[in-house]
Amino acid sequence: MDPVIVVGAGPVGLALALALARHSVPTVVLDEGPGKDEQRPARTVVLRDDTAAFAERLAGHSFGDTETGARWAGWRSVRRKQLMRELDFDEVTPSPLHLPQHELTSALREAIADERLVKVAVDSKLDSLEQDAGGVTAHTRGPKGTWWRGSYLVGCDGSRSTVRKLLDVRFPGRTAVERHAVAALRTELPWPGQALLHRMPPWRHGGAEVVGRPLAGGVWRLDWLLPPRGDLVTPDALVVRIRETLAGWCGGSTPPYELLDTGVHTVHHRLARRWRVGRAFLAGDAAHLLGALGTQGLDEGLRDADNLAWKLGLAWHHGAREALLDSYQVERRAGVAARLRAADQSLPALRGSKNLRSYVPGTARGHDTLLTDGHVGRGPLGAPSSYADSPLAPVPSESFTAVGTEPGAPVADVRVTAPDGSFVQLRDRLGLGHLIVVLVAPGTVVWERRHWVTAGIMPRLAAAVTALPHAAELLVAESYPGAAAHSVLLVRPDGHLVTALSGVRPAELYAAAETALGGSAPTGRGDGGERPGRTGTDTDTGTGTGEEESSAGAAGAARRSR
């Protein structure tokens, strides 16, 4: 079968190619550049804890060290001269990961260099594509221009996406929602390792808001919120901002600093009307733009890649299930749309005039909480998307039991016992192309697996897992937040909870797995492409017909129609 064509070699495109390789799917990455990325210390990314874990699995190493990225020790929020909020990160409240984007891209490129299933074609600019019932044909121009044949195609080619334009997909939204002056510099601040949000700083050129976020090696990224239609930021004006801000934070005198990079970051809010057109898909900035109030577009782009990879992997190996492929748009578009709505609804209160703020309910402390949530990955602005209204969500059965994770939300990263008896983190078992079944069995941690693997309910559960409509791995956890003993959790390959059952319920477990895979499962077993399955048809899908349309509503309608 032909490989999947990934257009674009940014972090999302590279991550998708690596994720597909973990599902044993070959890919061709069309990179319009020379295969190298410009080093810009002021262009950084903030990844929520679970998204950072996804990126680290793909890269094969941790980013939270002294050379690449930084895990913040805490968060401080100040208004004028008053400390409004201080938050310490720990195991219960994990820190985001902050690193330069070129470090992430470079690590993904290095991982691809060792991956035989991924081919990167540099200097390959897409200029046309055609679809038929059997696949996609793409043409690239440039020194190495040629025709490419793929089973599917994914446009990860940024905000000016050629794929989106060739598919004739509209990209409505708002332009220049926010503007920020940005500087990356090396210095020492009074709160090492802690990120800072300072609203209404009491110095002349402080503006309405400045954010300081630490990076590795004593480097900080500073962002000043600019007026919507203000003048251009000159180098001299930016230096004045830097010196005043550092002096304001360091007791009145500017500490020594080394300026590494500067820039102006303009935030746009846009959402593509459709994310799937037949065998072609959109992901990352090609599908959505966001970033106001601390939200992070690349974090959502990596979630796109994680969501789409296992679904394309299943289609590539076993034949397309249209409901499963359609669910990518339903789930991801709804999640991004909810975050965009939350930001757009909050902007008038947080960025409006003084007169408007005086009439809008909510205190300064409430506004601070909302901004903090956006920056640290909580609440409507920052929390990971939940797919509770997905067409892949099974109807709760009589044996459903509530746990600390709602169905459709990402699972907690608990320690589990793997089939070989070793102890691993649950997240380490994600993204390998199979479903995961977790049995909560207190007390098993003190015994070797060989002593309890044939005792109690384990044999019956193991038989039920073997009979599922797709390959699944059985793991055992000593505990799980909010779960009673003998709870059985069914988890998707991308780490979202399908359901939790009380005890071993083979029929209900099978039904939930079948629904999570997009409906009727093909007959037969096997882990490779030999399992028979129906061939997908070329279908132009799309739940989004307008910016205000709720993809979650379309998902609910799809569930009611089953």
Protein backbone atom coordinates (compact mmCIF):
# COMPACT_ATOMS: atom_id res chain seq x y z
CA MET A 1 0.00 0.00 0.00
CA ASP A 2 1.19 3.53 -0.75
CA PRO A 3 2.67 5.63 2.08
CA VAL A 4 0.92 8.54 3.73
CA ILE A 5 2.06 11.90 2.35
CA VAL A 6 2.69 14.57 4.98
CA VAL A 7 3.01 18.07 3.56
CA GLY A 8 5.12 20.31 5.78
CA ALA A 9 8.18 19.61 7.93
CA GLY A 10 7.39 21.74 10.94
CA PRO A 11 6.91 20.22 14.40
CA VAL A 12 3.39 18.97 13.63
CA GLY A 13 4.31 17.34 10.31
CA LEU A 14 7.42 15.69 11.74
CA ALA A 15 5.53 14.53 14.83
CA LEU A 16 2.78 13.03 12.68
CA ALA A 17 5.30 11.15 10.55
CA LEU A 18 6.98 9.70 13.64
CA ALA A 19 3.64 8.83 15.22
CA LEU A 20 2.59 7.01 12.05
CA ALA A 21 5.89 5.11 12.09
CA ARG A 22 5.04 3.89 15.60
CA HIS A 23 1.88 2.47 14.01
CA SER A 24 4.05 0.80 11.32
CA VAL A 25 2.82 3.16 8.59
CA PRO A 26 5.36 4.51 6.04
CA THR A 27 5.28 8.22 5.26
CA VAL A 28 6.80 10.72 2.87
CA VAL A 29 7.32 14.21 4.31
CA LEU A 30 7.37 16.97 1.69
CA ASP A 31 9.62 19.73 3.01
CA GLU A 32 9.68 22.86 0.88
CA GLY A 33 12.86 23.99 2.63
CA PRO A 34 16.42 22.64 2.71
CA GLY A 35 15.84 20.43 5.75
CA LYS A 36 17.30 22.83 8.32
CA ASP A 37 15.56 25.19 10.72
CA GLU A 38 16.57 28.72 11.69
CA GLN A 39 17.54 29.05 15.32
CA ARG A 40 15.32 31.69 16.94
CA PRO A 41 15.58 31.74 20.76
CA ALA A 42 12.61 34.13 20.93
CA ARG A 43 10.35 31.66 19.12
CA THR A 44 9.40 29.23 21.84
CA VAL A 45 6.61 26.77 22.58
CA VAL A 46 4.78 25.85 25.77
CA LEU A 47 3.50 22.27 25.91
CA ARG A 48 1.08 20.92 28.48
CA ASP A 49 2.28 17.92 30.45
CA ASP A 50 0.60 15.20 28.36
CA THR A 51 1.53 16.84 25.04
CA ALA A 52 5.13 17.18 26.19
CA ALA A 53 5.12 13.46 27.03
CA PHE A 54 3.87 12.73 23.49
CA ALA A 55 6.68 14.79 21.95
CA GLU A 56 9.28 13.15 24.20
CA ARG A 57 8.09 9.67 23.24
CA LEU A 58 8.54 10.53 19.58
CA ALA A 59 11.94 12.21 20.04
CA GLY A 60 13.20 9.43 22.29
CA HIS A 61 14.45 11.67 25.10
CA SER A 62 13.34 14.23 27.65
CA PHE A 63 13.35 17.96 26.89
CA GLY A 64 13.15 19.14 30.48
CA ASP A 65 16.90 19.31 31.07
CA THR A 66 19.41 22.12 31.37
CA GLU A 67 20.33 22.17 27.68
CA THR A 68 17.01 22.22 25.83
CA GLY A 69 13.83 23.02 27.73
CA ALA A 70 12.67 24.06 31.15
CA ARG A 71 10.03 22.75 33.52
CA TRP A 72 8.87 25.73 35.56
CA ALA A 73 9.20 25.52 39.33
CA GLY A 74 6.16 27.74 39.80
CA TRP A 75 3.97 30.55 38.55
CA ARG A 76 3.62 34.08 39.94
CA SER A 77 0.91 36.56 39.05
CA VAL A 78 1.29 40.25 39.97
CA ARG A 79 -1.01 43.22 39.40
CA ARG A 80 0.71 46.60 39.75
CA LYS A 81 2.81 45.92 42.89
CA GLN A 82 0.55 43.30 44.48
CA LEU A 83 1.21 39.57 44.34
CA MET A 84 -2.14 38.12 43.27
CA ARG A 85 -1.34 34.44 42.96
CA GLU A 86 1.54 32.04 43.45
CA LEU A 87 1.40 28.47 42.22
CA ASP A 88 3.92 25.69 42.82
CA PHE A 89 4.12 22.79 40.38
CA ASP A 90 4.33 19.20 41.61
CA GLU A 91 3.08 15.72 40.72
CA VAL A 92 -0.53 16.77 41.28
CA THR A 93 -0.11 20.01 39.31
CA PRO A 94 2.53 19.21 36.68
CA SER A 95 4.54 21.99 35.09
CA PRO A 96 4.29 22.86 31.39
CA LEU A 97 7.36 22.35 29.26
CA HIS A 98 8.90 25.50 27.72
CA LEU A 99 11.52 25.20 25.00
CA PRO A 100 12.66 26.90 21.77
CA GLN A 101 10.71 25.61 18.79
CA HIS A 102 13.89 24.89 16.84
CA GLU A 103 15.03 22.53 19.63
CA LEU A 104 11.82 20.54 19.29
CA THR A 105 12.03 20.46 15.50
CA SER A 106 15.70 19.47 15.56
CA ALA A 107 15.01 16.59 17.96
CA LEU A 108 12.18 15.31 15.78
CA ARG A 109 14.40 15.52 12.69
CA GLU A 110 17.10 13.51 14.46
CA ALA A 111 14.56 10.85 15.39
CA ILE A 112 13.35 10.69 11.78
CA ALA A 113 16.92 10.22 10.54
CA ASP A 114 16.94 6.86 12.35
CA GLU A 115 13.42 5.87 11.24
CA ARG A 116 13.34 3.68 8.14
CA LEU A 117 9.60 4.19 7.61
CA VAL A 118 9.91 7.96 7.12
CA LYS A 119 11.35 9.61 4.01
CA VAL A 120 11.89 13.38 3.97
CA ALA A 121 11.94 15.03 0.53
CA VAL A 122 13.60 18.45 0.85
CA ASP A 123 13.13 21.35 -1.59
CA SER A 124 9.73 19.90 -2.47
CA LYS A 125 6.99 22.51 -2.73
CA LEU A 126 3.51 21.11 -3.33
CA ASP A 127 1.68 22.68 -6.26
CA SER A 128 -1.12 20.25 -7.13
CA LEU A 129 -2.97 17.22 -5.82
CA GLU A 130 -5.60 14.86 -7.13
CA GLN A 131 -7.71 12.25 -5.36
CA ASP A 132 -9.31 9.04 -6.56
CA ALA A 133 -10.86 5.99 -4.91
CA GLY A 134 -7.45 4.39 -4.35
CA GLY A 135 -5.35 7.26 -3.04
CA VAL A 136 -3.86 10.71 -3.58
CA THR A 137 -1.45 11.95 -6.27
CA ALA A 138 0.62 15.02 -5.43
CA HIS A 139 3.06 17.01 -7.55
CA THR A 140 5.95 19.07 -6.21
CA ARG A 141 7.99 21.71 -7.99
CA GLY A 142 11.56 22.78 -7.42
CA PRO A 143 14.95 21.18 -8.10
CA LYS A 144 13.56 17.80 -7.13
CA GLY A 145 10.03 18.28 -8.44
CA THR A 146 8.19 15.05 -9.18
CA TRP A 147 4.93 13.15 -8.72
CA TRP A 148 4.15 11.38 -5.45
CA ARG A 149 1.54 8.70 -4.85
CA GLY A 150 0.04 8.21 -1.38
CA SER A 151 -2.78 6.40 0.34
CA TYR A 152 -3.69 9.54 2.31
CA LEU A 153 -2.36 13.12 2.49
CA VAL A 154 -2.15 15.42 5.50
CA GLY A 155 -1.53 19.14 5.18
CA CYS A 156 0.69 20.32 8.05
CA ASP A 157 1.99 23.23 6.00
CA GLY A 158 1.15 26.17 8.22
CA SER A 159 -1.21 29.11 8.24
CA ARG A 160 -0.79 29.77 4.50
CA SER A 161 -1.42 26.10 3.75
CA THR A 162 -1.19 25.14 0.09
CA VAL A 163 -3.10 21.95 0.86
CA ARG A 164 -6.00 23.90 2.32
CA LYS A 165 -6.13 26.16 -0.72
CA LEU A 166 -5.98 23.24 -3.16
CA LEU A 167 -8.85 21.58 -1.26
CA ASP A 168 -10.81 24.84 -1.46
CA VAL A 169 -11.42 24.92 2.30
CA ARG A 170 -12.32 28.28 3.80
CA PHE A 171 -10.35 29.60 6.78
CA PRO A 172 -12.50 32.26 8.48
CA GLY A 173 -11.70 34.04 11.70
CA ARG A 174 -10.17 37.15 13.23
CA THR A 175 -6.92 38.85 12.30
CA ALA A 176 -4.46 40.43 14.75
CA VAL A 177 -6.37 39.53 17.90
CA GLU A 178 -3.28 40.36 19.96
CA ARG A 179 0.22 41.73 19.31
CA HIS A 180 3.26 41.12 21.49
CA ALA A 181 6.79 42.45 21.47
CA VAL A 182 9.10 39.53 22.27
CA ALA A 183 12.66 39.29 23.53
CA ALA A 184 14.86 36.35 24.52
CA LEU A 185 17.67 37.29 26.89
CA ARG A 186 20.03 35.76 29.41
CA THR A 187 19.89 37.30 32.86
CA GLU A 188 19.18 36.58 36.53
CA LEU A 189 15.79 37.39 38.03
CA PRO A 190 14.74 37.27 41.71
CA TRP A 191 12.53 34.18 41.20
CA PRO A 192 14.68 31.61 39.33
CA GLY A 193 12.67 29.00 37.48
CA GLN A 194 9.30 30.67 38.09
CA ALA A 195 7.19 32.08 35.28
CA LEU A 196 5.62 35.49 35.87
CA LEU A 197 2.52 37.33 34.64
CA HIS A 198 2.66 41.04 35.53
CA ARG A 199 -0.47 43.06 34.77
CA MET A 200 -0.44 46.86 34.83
CA PRO A 201 3.27 47.13 35.78
CA PRO A 202 4.01 50.47 37.50
CA TRP A 203 6.64 51.80 35.14
CA ARG A 204 6.28 54.07 32.16
CA HIS A 205 6.70 51.65 29.24
CA GLY A 206 5.38 48.54 30.95
CA GLY A 207 2.15 48.54 28.97
CA ALA A 208 -0.89 46.56 30.03
CA GLU A 209 0.86 43.25 30.58
CA VAL A 210 4.25 41.56 30.48
CA VAL A 211 4.97 37.84 30.81
CA GLY A 212 8.34 36.34 31.73
CA ARG A 213 8.91 32.63 31.12
CA PRO A 214 12.19 30.84 31.95
CA LEU A 215 14.06 28.65 29.50
CA ALA A 216 17.12 26.47 30.01
CA GLY A 217 20.54 27.98 30.69
CA GLY A 218 19.39 31.15 32.42
CA VAL A 219 17.48 32.38 29.34
CA TRP A 220 14.11 34.11 29.64
CA ARG A 221 11.45 34.95 27.09
CA LEU A 222 9.65 38.23 27.79
CA ASP A 223 6.38 39.20 26.05
CA TRP A 224 4.86 42.69 26.24
CA LEU A 225 1.23 43.06 25.21
CA LEU A 226 1.01 45.84 22.60
CA PRO A 227 -1.94 48.07 21.74
CA PRO A 228 -4.05 46.55 18.92
CA ARG A 229 -3.21 49.30 16.44
CA GLY A 230 -0.07 50.72 17.96
CA ASP A 231 3.07 51.91 16.22
CA LEU A 232 5.81 49.56 15.10
CA VAL A 233 8.22 48.51 17.83
CA THR A 234 11.66 49.92 17.03
CA PRO A 235 14.85 48.29 18.39
CA ASP A 236 15.49 51.31 20.61
CA ALA A 237 11.96 51.21 22.03
CA LEU A 238 12.29 47.50 22.76
CA VAL A 239 15.57 48.05 24.61
CA VAL A 240 13.83 50.68 26.74
CA ARG A 241 11.09 48.15 27.58
CA ILE A 242 13.68 45.53 28.49
CA ARG A 243 15.68 47.82 30.77
CA GLU A 244 12.60 49.24 32.52
CA THR A 245 11.07 45.79 33.02
CA LEU A 246 14.24 44.25 34.43
CA ALA A 247 14.76 47.25 36.71
CA GLY A 248 11.16 47.06 37.91
CA TRP A 249 11.59 43.40 38.78
CA CYS A 250 15.04 43.79 40.37
CA GLY A 251 14.55 46.61 42.84
CA GLY A 252 15.11 49.60 40.59
CA SER A 253 18.42 48.82 38.87
CA THR A 254 18.79 46.94 35.60
CA PRO A 255 20.82 43.74 36.07
CA PRO A 256 23.36 42.63 33.46
CA TYR A 257 21.69 40.89 30.53
CA GLU A 258 22.57 39.44 27.14
CA LEU A 259 19.99 40.06 24.41
CA LEU A 260 19.72 36.98 22.19
CA ASP A 261 16.74 37.57 19.91
CA THR A 262 13.74 39.84 19.41
CA GLY A 263 10.55 39.89 17.41
CA VAL A 264 6.89 40.87 17.21
CA HIS A 265 4.33 38.09 17.58
CA THR A 266 0.87 38.69 16.10
CA VAL A 267 -1.94 36.37 17.18
CA HIS A 268 -4.72 35.40 14.78
CA HIS A 269 -7.80 33.30 15.51
CA ARG A 270 -8.96 31.18 12.58
CA LEU A 271 -10.65 27.80 12.18
CA ALA A 272 -10.87 25.83 8.94
CA ARG A 273 -14.42 24.89 7.94
CA ARG A 274 -13.40 21.32 7.12
CA TRP A 275 -10.49 19.22 8.32
CA ARG A 276 -11.12 16.27 6.04
CA VAL A 277 -11.83 16.20 2.33
CA GLY A 278 -11.84 12.63 1.10
CA ARG A 279 -8.38 11.19 1.65
CA ALA A 280 -6.86 14.56 2.54
CA PHE A 281 -6.70 16.05 6.03
CA LEU A 282 -5.55 19.29 7.69
CA ALA A 283 -3.60 19.56 10.95
CA GLY A 284 -1.81 22.20 12.99
CA ASP A 285 -1.79 25.80 11.77
CA ALA A 286 -3.25 24.67 8.45
CA ALA A 287 -6.45 23.84 10.37
CA HIS A 288 -6.48 26.38 13.19
CA LEU A 289 -4.78 29.47 14.56
CA LEU A 290 -5.06 30.52 18.20
CA GLY A 291 -2.80 31.98 20.85
CA ALA A 292 -4.50 34.80 22.76
CA LEU A 293 -4.60 34.83 26.57
CA GLY A 294 -1.85 32.27 26.98
CA THR A 295 -3.30 29.53 24.76
CA GLN A 296 -0.80 27.61 22.65
CA GLY A 297 -1.37 26.71 19.00
CA LEU A 298 1.46 24.19 18.69
CA ASP A 299 0.17 22.28 21.71
CA GLU A 300 -3.12 21.83 19.85
CA GLY A 301 -1.27 20.93 16.64
CA LEU A 302 0.53 18.07 18.38
CA ARG A 303 -2.80 16.87 19.72
CA ASP A 304 -4.02 16.81 16.11
CA ALA A 305 -1.11 14.55 15.17
CA ASP A 306 -1.71 12.21 18.12
CA ASN A 307 -5.41 11.95 17.33
CA LEU A 308 -5.01 11.37 13.61
CA ALA A 309 -2.05 8.97 13.64
CA TRP A 310 -3.77 5.95 15.18
CA LYS A 311 -6.84 6.40 13.01
CA LEU A 312 -4.81 6.56 9.80
CA GLY A 313 -2.79 3.60 11.08
CA LEU A 314 -5.91 1.52 11.50
CA ALA A 315 -7.17 2.55 8.05
CA TRP A 316 -3.80 1.84 6.41
CA HIS A 317 -3.48 -1.66 7.87
CA HIS A 318 -7.09 -2.84 7.97
CA GLY A 319 -9.10 -0.77 5.52
CA ALA A 320 -10.79 2.56 6.03
CA ARG A 321 -13.63 2.94 8.47
CA GLU A 322 -15.29 6.19 7.50
CA ALA A 323 -16.75 6.83 10.95
CA LEU A 324 -13.29 6.53 12.48
CA LEU A 325 -11.67 8.88 9.94
CA ASP A 326 -14.56 11.33 10.22
CA SER A 327 -14.14 11.42 13.99
CA TYR A 328 -10.81 13.22 13.61
CA GLN A 329 -12.56 16.37 12.44
CA VAL A 330 -15.43 16.02 14.90
CA GLU A 331 -13.17 15.59 17.93
CA ARG A 332 -10.35 17.95 17.15
CA ARG A 333 -12.34 20.75 15.55
CA ALA A 334 -14.75 20.78 18.50
CA GLY A 335 -11.86 20.94 20.98
CA VAL A 336 -10.12 23.83 19.24
CA ALA A 337 -13.42 25.64 18.62
CA ALA A 338 -14.24 25.48 22.35
CA ARG A 339 -10.90 27.03 23.22
CA LEU A 340 -11.33 29.75 20.59
CA ARG A 341 -14.82 30.53 21.90
CA ALA A 342 -13.52 30.74 25.47
CA ALA A 343 -10.77 33.16 24.41
CA ASP A 344 -13.08 35.30 22.28
CA GLN A 345 -15.64 35.52 25.08
CA SER A 346 -12.99 36.51 27.62
CA LEU A 347 -11.17 39.08 25.50
CA PRO A 348 -13.67 41.96 25.98
CA ALA A 349 -13.40 41.69 29.76
CA LEU A 350 -9.64 41.20 29.87
CA ARG A 351 -8.55 43.48 27.03
CA GLY A 352 -11.43 45.95 26.79
CA SER A 353 -11.45 49.58 27.80
CA LYS A 354 -11.62 50.62 31.45
CA ASN A 355 -15.26 51.61 31.04
CA LEU A 356 -16.14 48.22 29.61
CA ARG A 357 -14.29 46.36 32.37
CA SER A 358 -16.21 48.30 35.00
CA TYR A 359 -19.51 46.88 33.72
CA VAL A 360 -18.36 43.30 33.12
CA PRO A 361 -18.81 40.95 36.10
CA GLY A 362 -15.57 39.64 37.58
CA THR A 363 -12.86 41.07 39.78
CA ALA A 364 -9.22 41.62 38.94
CA ARG A 365 -8.46 38.42 40.86
CA GLY A 366 -10.97 36.55 38.71
CA HIS A 367 -9.35 37.89 35.56
CA ASP A 368 -5.98 36.84 36.91
CA THR A 369 -7.24 33.30 37.49
CA LEU A 370 -8.52 33.10 33.93
CA LEU A 371 -5.19 34.26 32.48
CA THR A 372 -3.25 31.90 34.72
CA ASP A 373 -5.36 28.98 33.53
CA GLY A 374 -4.56 29.82 29.92
CA HIS A 375 -0.82 29.97 30.56
CA VAL A 376 -0.46 26.86 32.75
CA GLY A 377 -2.95 24.62 30.93
CA ARG A 378 -6.12 24.57 33.03
CA GLY A 379 -9.74 25.61 32.72
CA PRO A 380 -11.59 26.45 29.48
CA LEU A 381 -8.58 28.28 28.03
CA GLY A 382 -5.92 25.70 28.76
CA ALA A 383 -7.21 22.25 29.73
CA PRO A 384 -6.76 19.35 27.28
CA SER A 385 -9.72 18.57 25.05
CA SER A 386 -12.19 15.90 26.12
CA TYR A 387 -13.96 13.78 23.53
CA ALA A 388 -17.04 12.93 25.60
CA ASP A 389 -19.37 13.83 22.69
CA SER A 390 -17.35 11.96 20.07
CA PRO A 391 -19.08 9.50 17.75
CA LEU A 392 -16.49 7.02 19.08
CA ALA A 393 -17.83 7.37 22.63
CA PRO A 394 -19.88 4.33 23.68
CA VAL A 395 -23.21 4.72 25.45
CA PRO A 396 -22.58 4.04 29.17
CA SER A 397 -23.50 0.48 30.06
CA GLU A 398 -25.03 -0.86 33.26
CA SER A 399 -21.54 -1.78 34.45
CA PHE A 400 -20.08 1.68 33.90
CA THR A 401 -18.22 2.98 36.95
CA ALA A 402 -17.01 6.51 37.55
CA VAL A 403 -13.27 7.09 38.02
CA GLY A 404 -11.18 10.22 38.42
CA THR A 405 -11.05 10.66 34.64
CA GLU A 406 -14.21 11.44 32.68
CA PRO A 407 -14.80 9.32 29.55
CA GLY A 408 -13.17 11.08 26.60
CA ALA A 409 -10.52 12.84 28.72
CA PRO A 410 -6.79 11.98 28.79
CA VAL A 411 -5.97 9.28 31.34
CA ALA A 412 -3.77 9.89 34.37
CA ASP A 413 -0.16 8.78 34.05
CA VAL A 414 -0.08 6.05 36.70
CA ARG A 415 2.53 3.34 37.15
CA VAL A 416 1.47 0.01 35.65
CA THR A 417 2.81 -3.50 35.33
CA ALA A 418 3.59 -4.42 31.73
CA PRO A 419 3.07 -7.92 30.26
CA ASP A 420 6.75 -8.74 30.85
CA GLY A 421 6.42 -7.94 34.55
CA SER A 422 8.29 -4.62 34.43
CA PHE A 423 6.96 -1.42 35.97
CA VAL A 424 6.37 1.40 33.48
CA GLN A 425 4.32 4.57 33.22
CA LEU A 426 1.00 4.27 31.44
CA ARG A 427 1.96 7.01 28.97
CA ASP A 428 4.94 4.93 27.85
CA ARG A 429 2.51 2.36 26.42
CA LEU A 430 0.53 4.87 24.33
CA GLY A 431 0.81 5.43 20.59
CA LEU A 432 1.80 1.86 19.71
CA GLY A 433 -1.25 1.07 17.58
CA HIS A 434 -3.19 -0.99 20.09
CA LEU A 435 -5.93 -0.43 22.63
CA ILE A 436 -5.00 -0.55 26.30
CA VAL A 437 -6.95 -2.28 29.05
CA VAL A 438 -5.99 -1.37 32.63
CA LEU A 439 -7.08 -3.47 35.60
CA VAL A 440 -7.00 -1.67 38.94
CA ALA A 441 -5.82 -4.34 41.40
CA PRO A 442 -4.53 -3.11 44.78
CA GLY A 443 -1.85 -5.29 46.30
CA THR A 444 -0.37 -6.66 43.09
CA VAL A 445 2.67 -4.41 43.37
CA VAL A 446 4.07 -6.51 46.23
CA TRP A 447 3.94 -9.75 44.23
CA GLU A 448 5.71 -10.82 41.09
CA ARG A 449 3.42 -10.92 38.09
CA ARG A 450 3.81 -14.69 37.71
CA HIS A 451 2.09 -15.17 41.07
CA TRP A 452 -1.14 -13.32 40.24
CA VAL A 453 -1.39 -13.42 36.45
CA THR A 454 -3.24 -16.77 36.66
CA ALA A 455 -5.22 -15.96 39.81
CA GLY A 456 -8.57 -14.33 40.53
CA ILE A 457 -10.20 -12.49 37.64
CA MET A 458 -7.02 -12.20 35.56
CA PRO A 459 -7.55 -15.29 33.34
CA ARG A 460 -11.09 -14.22 32.45
CA LEU A 461 -10.01 -10.64 31.76
CA ALA A 462 -7.04 -11.80 29.68
CA ALA A 463 -9.39 -13.93 27.57
CA ALA A 464 -11.74 -10.96 27.11
CA VAL A 465 -8.84 -8.74 26.01
CA THR A 466 -7.66 -11.37 23.51
CA ALA A 467 -11.15 -11.48 22.00
CA LEU A 468 -11.40 -7.72 21.40
CA PRO A 469 -11.91 -6.54 17.78
CA HIS A 470 -8.42 -5.02 17.69
CA ALA A 471 -5.07 -5.85 19.28
CA ALA A 472 -4.99 -4.72 22.91
CA GLU A 473 -2.49 -4.76 25.77
CA LEU A 474 -3.50 -5.71 29.31
CA LEU A 475 -1.82 -3.67 32.05
CA VAL A 476 -2.32 -3.77 35.81
CA ALA A 477 -2.26 -0.73 38.09
CA GLU A 478 -1.95 -0.75 41.87
CA SER A 479 -4.33 2.23 41.92
CA TYR A 480 -5.95 4.83 39.69
CA PRO A 481 -7.43 8.18 40.82
CA GLY A 482 -11.03 7.68 41.91
CA ALA A 483 -11.18 4.02 40.83
CA ALA A 484 -12.39 1.18 43.00
CA ALA A 485 -10.65 -2.18 43.11
CA HIS A 486 -11.27 -4.40 40.06
CA SER A 487 -12.23 -1.44 37.85
CA VAL A 488 -11.36 -2.10 34.21
CA LEU A 489 -10.38 0.90 32.07
CA LEU A 490 -10.42 0.86 28.26
CA VAL A 491 -8.01 3.41 26.78
CA ARG A 492 -7.55 4.54 23.17
CA PRO A 493 -4.10 4.50 21.54
CA ASP A 494 -3.89 8.28 22.01
CA GLY A 495 -4.48 8.01 25.75
CA HIS A 496 -8.12 9.11 26.01
CA LEU A 497 -10.41 7.06 28.23
CA VAL A 498 -13.12 5.14 26.38
CA THR A 499 -14.95 3.76 29.42
CA ALA A 500 -14.48 2.25 32.86
CA LEU A 501 -16.32 -0.91 33.90
CA SER A 502 -16.91 -2.48 37.26
CA GLY A 503 -15.30 -5.91 37.06
CA VAL A 504 -14.79 -8.15 34.04
CA ARG A 505 -17.61 -7.65 31.51
CA PRO A 506 -16.45 -9.25 28.24
CA ALA A 507 -19.51 -8.35 26.15
CA GLU A 508 -19.59 -4.73 27.32
CA LEU A 509 -15.82 -4.37 26.93
CA TYR A 510 -16.06 -5.71 23.37
CA ALA A 511 -18.95 -3.37 22.51
CA ALA A 512 -17.09 -0.33 23.87
CA ALA A 513 -13.95 -1.26 21.91
CA GLU A 514 -15.92 -1.74 18.72
CA THR A 515 -17.54 1.68 19.06
CA ALA A 516 -14.18 3.31 19.84
CA LEU A 517 -12.84 1.85 16.59
CA GLY A 518 -15.55 3.45 14.49
CA GLY A 519 -18.31 0.86 14.39
CA SER A 520 -18.37 -2.68 13.07
CA ALA A 521 -14.98 -4.29 13.36
CA PRO A 522 -13.52 -6.47 10.61
CA THR A 523 -13.45 -10.18 11.31
CA GLY A 524 -10.25 -12.06 12.07
CA ARG A 525 -7.25 -11.30 14.22
CA GLY A 526 -3.66 -10.28 13.65
CA ASP A 527 -1.43 -7.32 14.17
CA GLY A 528 -0.45 -6.63 10.59
CA GLY A 529 -2.13 -5.70 7.35
CA GLU A 530 -3.33 -9.22 6.70
CA ARG A 531 -6.60 -8.74 8.55
CA PRO A 532 -9.45 -8.38 6.02
CA GLY A 533 -11.37 -5.16 6.02
CA ARG A 534 -13.50 -3.13 3.70
CA THR A 535 -11.95 -0.52 1.45
CA GLY A 536 -12.86 3.05 2.22
CA THR A 537 -14.59 5.22 -0.36
CA ASP A 538 -13.58 8.74 -1.24
CA THR A 539 -15.88 10.79 0.95
CA ASP A 540 -16.01 14.56 1.35
CA THR A 541 -16.87 14.99 5.00
CA GLY A 542 -17.31 18.03 7.17
CA THR A 543 -19.35 18.87 10.23
CA GLY A 544 -18.29 22.50 10.25
CA THR A 545 -20.41 24.78 8.11
CA GLY A 546 -19.71 27.99 9.99
CA GLU A 547 -17.53 29.48 12.69
CA GLU A 548 -20.25 29.24 15.35
CA GLU A 549 -21.31 25.72 14.45
CA SER A 550 -20.74 23.20 17.24
CA SER A 551 -18.93 20.09 16.13
CA ALA A 552 -19.91 18.58 19.47
CA GLY A 553 -23.54 18.94 18.41
CA ALA A 554 -22.81 17.12 15.18
CA ALA A 555 -21.10 14.42 17.20
CA GLY A 556 -24.14 14.06 19.41
CA ALA A 557 -26.35 13.74 16.36
CA ALA A 558 -24.08 11.07 14.98
CA ARG A 559 -24.31 9.13 18.22
CA ARG A 560 -28.11 9.33 18.27
CA SER A 561 -28.27 8.02 14.72
CA ARG A 562 -26.36 4.83 15.53
